[in-house]
Amino acid sequence: MGLWMPPRGEIHSSVLVAFGEVSTFAGALLGVDYKYRSGDKKQEG
């Protein structure tokens, strides 16, 4: 139903920025955790 209804209000840009930063940080933590748990010991260089 969300596509057929007019928006109720506006999401403030600071909320969107904060959500983006938290999502990026969480993704980075999960990526580092996955790398070490997967046993991938390849070294670049």
PDB file of N, CA and C in Angstrom:
ATOM      1  N   MET A   1       0.819  -1.202   0.000  1.00  0.00           N
ATOM      2  CA  MET A   1       0.000   0.000   0.000  1.00  0.00           C
ATOM      3  C   MET A   1       0.857   1.258   0.000  1.00  0.00           C
ATOM      4  N   GLY A   2       2.117   1.159   0.320  1.00  0.00           N
ATOM      5  CA  GLY A   2       2.967   2.333   0.442  1.00  0.00           C
ATOM      6  C   GLY A   2       3.140   3.107  -0.846  1.00  0.00           C
ATOM      7  N   LEU A   3       3.037   2.436  -1.974  1.00  0.00           N
ATOM      8  CA  LEU A   3       3.236   3.125  -3.249  1.00  0.00           C
ATOM      9  C   LEU A   3       2.012   3.928  -3.670  1.00  0.00           C
ATOM     10  N   TRP A   4       0.851   3.604  -3.139  1.00  0.00           N
ATOM     11  CA  TRP A   4      -0.374   4.280  -3.548  1.00  0.00           C
ATOM     12  C   TRP A   4      -0.803   5.379  -2.594  1.00  0.00           C
ATOM     13  N   MET A   5      -0.117   5.518  -1.486  1.00  0.00           N
ATOM     14  CA  MET A   5      -0.496   6.521  -0.496  1.00  0.00           C
ATOM     15  C   MET A   5       0.473   7.695  -0.547  1.00  0.00           C
ATOM     16  N   PRO A   6      -0.012   8.891  -0.343  1.00  0.00           N
ATOM     17  CA  PRO A   6       0.902  10.034  -0.289  1.00  0.00           C
ATOM     18  C   PRO A   6       1.764   9.964   0.977  1.00  0.00           C
ATOM     19  N   PRO A   7       2.967  10.508   0.933  1.00  0.00           N
ATOM     20  CA  PRO A   7       3.826  10.460   2.120  1.00  0.00           C
ATOM     21  C   PRO A   7       3.238  11.261   3.273  1.00  0.00           C
ATOM     22  N   ARG A   8       3.460  10.787   4.491  1.00  0.00           N
ATOM     23  CA  ARG A   8       2.928  11.466   5.675  1.00  0.00           C
ATOM     24  C   ARG A   8       3.803  12.623   6.109  1.00  0.00           C
ATOM     25  N   GLY A   9       5.059  12.588   5.753  1.00  0.00           N
ATOM     26  CA  GLY A   9       5.971  13.640   6.175  1.00  0.00           C
ATOM     27  C   GLY A   9       7.311  13.489   5.492  1.00  0.00           C
ATOM     28  N   GLU A  10       8.274  14.185   6.013  1.00  0.00           N
ATOM     29  CA  GLU A  10       9.608  14.179   5.428  1.00  0.00           C
ATOM     30  C   GLU A  10      10.595  13.592   6.436  1.00  0.00           C
ATOM     31  N   ILE A  11      11.505  12.765   5.934  1.00  0.00           N
ATOM     32  CA  ILE A  11      12.576  12.243   6.779  1.00  0.00           C
ATOM     33  C   ILE A  11      13.718  13.248   6.719  1.00  0.00           C
ATOM     34  N   HIS A  12      14.126  13.752   7.867  1.00  0.00           N
ATOM     35  CA  HIS A  12      15.169  14.771   7.919  1.00  0.00           C
ATOM     36  C   HIS A  12      16.485  14.200   7.396  1.00  0.00           C
ATOM     37  N   SER A  13      17.250  15.021   6.713  1.00  0.00           N
ATOM     38  CA  SER A  13      18.485  14.548   6.094  1.00  0.00           C
ATOM     39  C   SER A  13      19.488  14.041   7.122  1.00  0.00           C
ATOM     40  N   SER A  14      19.484  14.596   8.325  1.00  0.00           N
ATOM     41  CA  SER A  14      20.429  14.119   9.340  1.00  0.00           C
ATOM     42  C   SER A  14      20.118  12.676   9.743  1.00  0.00           C
ATOM     43  N   VAL A  15      18.843  12.297   9.720  1.00  0.00           N
ATOM     44  CA  VAL A  15      18.469  10.919  10.030  1.00  0.00           C
ATOM     45  C   VAL A  15      18.986   9.992   8.940  1.00  0.00           C
ATOM     46  N   LEU A  16      18.878  10.413   7.689  1.00  0.00           N
ATOM     47  CA  LEU A  16      19.366   9.598   6.582  1.00  0.00           C
ATOM     48  C   LEU A  16      20.881   9.449   6.628  1.00  0.00           C
ATOM     49  N   VAL A  17      21.579  10.523   6.953  1.00  0.00           N
ATOM     50  CA  VAL A  17      23.041  10.473   7.053  1.00  0.00           C
ATOM     51  C   VAL A  17      23.459   9.558   8.198  1.00  0.00           C
ATOM     52  N   ALA A  18      22.805   9.684   9.338  1.00  0.00           N
ATOM     53  CA  ALA A  18      23.137   8.831  10.488  1.00  0.00           C
ATOM     54  C   ALA A  18      22.884   7.363  10.162  1.00  0.00           C
ATOM     55  N   PHE A  19      21.773   7.068   9.507  1.00  0.00           N
ATOM     56  CA  PHE A  19      21.470   5.688   9.125  1.00  0.00           C
ATOM     57  C   PHE A  19      22.525   5.152   8.167  1.00  0.00           C
ATOM     58  N   GLY A  20      22.944   5.964   7.213  1.00  0.00           N
ATOM     59  CA  GLY A  20      23.975   5.542   6.272  1.00  0.00           C
ATOM     60  C   GLY A  20      25.302   5.257   6.948  1.00  0.00           C
ATOM     61  N   GLU A  21      25.685   6.106   7.883  1.00  0.00           N
ATOM     62  CA  GLU A  21      26.957   5.903   8.578  1.00  0.00           C
ATOM     63  C   GLU A  21      26.916   4.660   9.465  1.00  0.00           C
ATOM     64  N   VAL A  22      25.811   4.455  10.162  1.00  0.00           N
ATOM     65  CA  VAL A  22      25.680   3.265  11.009  1.00  0.00           C
ATOM     66  C   VAL A  22      25.675   2.005  10.148  1.00  0.00           C
ATOM     67  N   SER A  23      24.990   2.046   9.018  1.00  0.00           N
ATOM     68  CA  SER A  23      24.952   0.890   8.123  1.00  0.00           C
ATOM     69  C   SER A  23      26.332   0.582   7.560  1.00  0.00           C
ATOM     70  N   THR A  24      27.072   1.609   7.184  1.00  0.00           N
ATOM     71  CA  THR A  24      28.421   1.411   6.660  1.00  0.00           C
ATOM     72  C   THR A  24      29.335   0.817   7.723  1.00  0.00           C
ATOM     73  N   PHE A  25      29.252   1.330   8.941  1.00  0.00           N
ATOM     74  CA  PHE A  25      30.078   0.816  10.036  1.00  0.00           C
ATOM     75  C   PHE A  25      29.741  -0.644  10.331  1.00  0.00           C
ATOM     76  N   ALA A  26      28.447  -0.960  10.391  1.00  0.00           N
ATOM     77  CA  ALA A  26      28.035  -2.339  10.661  1.00  0.00           C
ATOM     78  C   ALA A  26      28.483  -3.263   9.532  1.00  0.00           C
ATOM     79  N   GLY A  27      28.372  -2.808   8.301  1.00  0.00           N
ATOM     80  CA  GLY A  27      28.832  -3.614   7.172  1.00  0.00           C
ATOM     81  C   GLY A  27      30.320  -3.867   7.213  1.00  0.00           C
ATOM     82  N   ALA A  28      31.082  -2.863   7.612  1.00  0.00           N
ATOM     83  CA  ALA A  28      32.532  -3.033   7.725  1.00  0.00           C
ATOM     84  C   ALA A  28      32.864  -4.046   8.815  1.00  0.00           C
ATOM     85  N   LEU A  29      32.174  -3.968   9.943  1.00  0.00           N
ATOM     86  CA  LEU A  29      32.423  -4.932  11.021  1.00  0.00           C
ATOM     87  C   LEU A  29      32.062  -6.347  10.592  1.00  0.00           C
ATOM     88  N   LEU A  30      30.940  -6.503   9.914  1.00  0.00           N
ATOM     89  CA  LEU A  30      30.540  -7.833   9.456  1.00  0.00           C
ATOM     90  C   LEU A  30      31.501  -8.361   8.407  1.00  0.00           C
ATOM     91  N   GLY A  31      31.995  -7.494   7.547  1.00  0.00           N
ATOM     92  CA  GLY A  31      32.951  -7.917   6.525  1.00  0.00           C
ATOM     93  C   GLY A  31      34.256  -8.386   7.130  1.00  0.00           C
ATOM     94  N   VAL A  32      34.759  -7.671   8.126  1.00  0.00           N
ATOM     95  CA  VAL A  32      35.998  -8.065   8.793  1.00  0.00           C
ATOM     96  C   VAL A  32      35.777  -9.374   9.535  1.00  0.00           C
ATOM     97  N   ASP A  33      34.646  -9.500  10.216  1.00  0.00           N
ATOM     98  CA  ASP A  33      34.334 -10.720  10.950  1.00  0.00           C
ATOM     99  C   ASP A  33      34.233 -11.906   9.994  1.00  0.00           C
ATOM    100  N   TYR A  34      33.577 -11.717   8.859  1.00  0.00           N
ATOM    101  CA  TYR A  34      33.422 -12.793   7.883  1.00  0.00           C
ATOM    102  C   TYR A  34      34.772 -13.207   7.315  1.00  0.00           C
ATOM    103  N   LYS A  35      35.629 -12.235   7.057  1.00  0.00           N
ATOM    104  CA  LYS A  35      36.943 -12.538   6.488  1.00  0.00           C
ATOM    105  C   LYS A  35      37.743 -13.438   7.419  1.00  0.00           C
ATOM    106  N   TYR A  36      37.737 -13.123   8.709  1.00  0.00           N
ATOM    107  CA  TYR A  36      38.521 -13.913   9.646  1.00  0.00           C
ATOM    108  C   TYR A  36      37.863 -15.248   9.978  1.00  0.00           C
ATOM    109  N   ARG A  37      36.562 -15.323   9.920  1.00  0.00           N
ATOM    110  CA  ARG A  37      35.888 -16.596  10.191  1.00  0.00           C
ATOM    111  C   ARG A  37      35.970 -17.546   9.011  1.00  0.00           C
ATOM    112  N   SER A  38      36.063 -17.005   7.800  1.00  0.00           N
ATOM    113  CA  SER A  38      36.070 -17.862   6.617  1.00  0.00           C
ATOM    114  C   SER A  38      37.389 -18.597   6.450  1.00  0.00           C
ATOM    115  N   GLY A  39      38.430 -18.172   7.156  1.00  0.00           N
ATOM    116  CA  GLY A  39      39.712 -18.845   7.078  1.00  0.00           C
ATOM    117  C   GLY A  39      40.527 -18.434   5.865  1.00  0.00           C
ATOM    118  N   ASP A  40      40.165 -17.336   5.256  1.00  0.00           N
ATOM    119  CA  ASP A  40      40.893 -16.847   4.090  1.00  0.00           C
ATOM    120  C   ASP A  40      42.159 -16.153   4.572  1.00  0.00           C
ATOM    121  N   LYS A  41      43.271 -16.825   4.449  1.00  0.00           N
ATOM    122  CA  LYS A  41      44.533 -16.298   4.973  1.00  0.00           C
ATOM    123  C   LYS A  41      45.439 -15.764   3.862  1.00  0.00           C
ATOM    124  N   LYS A  42      44.868 -15.447   2.709  1.00  0.00           N
ATOM    125  CA  LYS A  42      45.666 -14.905   1.611  1.00  0.00           C
ATOM    126  C   LYS A  42      46.208 -13.541   1.997  1.00  0.00           C
ATOM    127  N   GLN A  43      47.459 -13.325   1.689  1.00  0.00           N
ATOM    128  CA  GLN A  43      48.064 -12.026   1.958  1.00  0.00           C
ATOM    129  C   GLN A  43      48.357 -11.346   0.638  1.00  0.00           C
ATOM    130  N   GLU A  44      47.940 -10.107   0.551  1.00  0.00           N
ATOM    131  CA  GLU A  44      48.209  -9.336  -0.653  1.00  0.00           C
ATOM    132  C   GLU A  44      49.549  -8.654  -0.504  1.00  0.00           C
ATOM    133  N   GLY A  45      50.242  -8.527  -1.610  1.00  0.00           N
ATOM    134  CA  GLY A  45      51.477  -7.795  -1.504  1.00  0.00           C
ATOM    135  C   GLY A  45      52.450  -8.295  -2.424  1.00  0.00           C
TER     136      GLY A  45
END
